[in-house]
Each structure stands twice: as structure tokens, then as C-alpha cells.
Amino acid sequence: MVVLGLILLIIGLLVSSAKILVTIGLILIVVGLVLNFVPIGGSSRRVF
């Protein structure tokens, strides 16, 4: 998801008329990073 966001961001920056792609790219990057660092469903349970 982060890679897709970067691709959209780069395309949006290259094509000056596609400002919406920059916004979508930034949102995808932020969501992708949040999903990477926040464990979903308690997958980080430690077994002692």
C-alpha cells in the first residue's frame, strides 16, 4: 500500500493537472504506515 501511494504521488507530481493523485498518494502512504506499525487483531501477543 505504501508503494502504491508512492507511485501515485510520483505520477501526480509529474502530471501537473493530476493534483488528486498527490492527495490519494499521501493518504495511501499514511494509511499504509499506520497499518504497518499498529498490530491488527492482537497479532503481537507475547508467549512467556
C-alpha atoms as a PDB file:
ATOM      1  CA  MET A   1       0.000   0.000   0.000  1.00  0.00           C
ATOM      2  CA  VAL A   2       2.895   2.332   0.740  1.00  0.00           C
ATOM      3  CA  VAL A   3       4.441   1.506  -2.652  1.00  0.00           C
ATOM      4  CA  LEU A   4       1.142   2.213  -4.407  1.00  0.00           C
ATOM      5  CA  GLY A   5       0.938   5.536  -2.584  1.00  0.00           C
ATOM      6  CA  LEU A   6       4.454   6.435  -3.689  1.00  0.00           C
ATOM      7  CA  ILE A   7       3.661   5.567  -7.315  1.00  0.00           C
ATOM      8  CA  LEU A   8       0.509   7.724  -7.260  1.00  0.00           C
ATOM      9  CA  LEU A   9       2.445  10.534  -5.580  1.00  0.00           C
ATOM     10  CA  ILE A  10       5.160  10.466  -8.250  1.00  0.00           C
ATOM     11  CA  ILE A  11       2.616  10.344 -11.086  1.00  0.00           C
ATOM     12  CA  GLY A  12       0.681  13.187  -9.503  1.00  0.00           C
ATOM     13  CA  LEU A  13       3.828  15.293  -9.234  1.00  0.00           C
ATOM     14  CA  LEU A  14       4.867  14.590 -12.824  1.00  0.00           C
ATOM     15  CA  VAL A  15       1.435  15.364 -14.278  1.00  0.00           C
ATOM     16  CA  SER A  16       0.648  18.881 -13.150  1.00  0.00           C
ATOM     17  CA  SER A  17      -3.088  18.538 -13.801  1.00  0.00           C
ATOM     18  CA  ALA A  18      -3.473  15.496 -11.533  1.00  0.00           C
ATOM     19  CA  LYS A  19      -3.480  17.092  -8.075  1.00  0.00           C
ATOM     20  CA  ILE A  20      -5.979  14.498  -6.813  1.00  0.00           C
ATOM     21  CA  LEU A  21      -3.376  11.755  -7.344  1.00  0.00           C
ATOM     22  CA  VAL A  22      -0.996  13.555  -4.978  1.00  0.00           C
ATOM     23  CA  THR A  23      -3.702  13.642  -2.310  1.00  0.00           C
ATOM     24  CA  ILE A  24      -4.633   9.980  -2.787  1.00  0.00           C
ATOM     25  CA  GLY A  25      -0.957   9.018  -2.759  1.00  0.00           C
ATOM     26  CA  LEU A  26      -0.340  10.817   0.535  1.00  0.00           C
ATOM     27  CA  ILE A  27      -3.401   9.201   2.107  1.00  0.00           C
ATOM     28  CA  LEU A  28      -2.287   5.732   0.982  1.00  0.00           C
ATOM     29  CA  ILE A  29       1.220   6.274   2.354  1.00  0.00           C
ATOM     30  CA  VAL A  30      -0.100   7.409   5.742  1.00  0.00           C
ATOM     31  CA  VAL A  31      -2.634   4.560   5.971  1.00  0.00           C
ATOM     32  CA  GLY A  32      -0.008   2.028   4.901  1.00  0.00           C
ATOM     33  CA  LEU A  33       2.465   3.199   7.538  1.00  0.00           C
ATOM     34  CA  VAL A  34      -0.191   3.176  10.260  1.00  0.00           C
ATOM     35  CA  LEU A  35      -1.243  -0.362   9.327  1.00  0.00           C
ATOM     36  CA  ASN A  36       2.399  -1.460   9.395  1.00  0.00           C
ATOM     37  CA  PHE A  37       3.071  -0.162  12.902  1.00  0.00           C
ATOM     38  CA  VAL A  38      -0.287  -0.946  14.543  1.00  0.00           C
ATOM     39  CA  PRO A  39      -0.884  -4.656  15.099  1.00  0.00           C
ATOM     40  CA  ILE A  40      -4.310  -5.738  13.867  1.00  0.00           C
ATOM     41  CA  GLY A  41      -6.241  -8.352  15.798  1.00  0.00           C
ATOM     42  CA  GLY A  42      -3.716  -8.625  18.624  1.00  0.00           C
ATOM     43  CA  SER A  43      -1.124 -10.343  16.458  1.00  0.00           C
ATOM     44  CA  SER A  44       1.664  -9.170  18.756  1.00  0.00           C
ATOM     45  CA  ARG A  45       0.786 -11.405  21.685  1.00  0.00           C
ATOM     46  CA  ARG A  46       3.829 -12.499  23.611  1.00  0.00           C
ATOM     47  CA  VAL A  47       4.000 -16.032  24.969  1.00  0.00           C
ATOM     48  CA  PHE A  48       6.087 -16.381  28.084  1.00  0.00           C
END
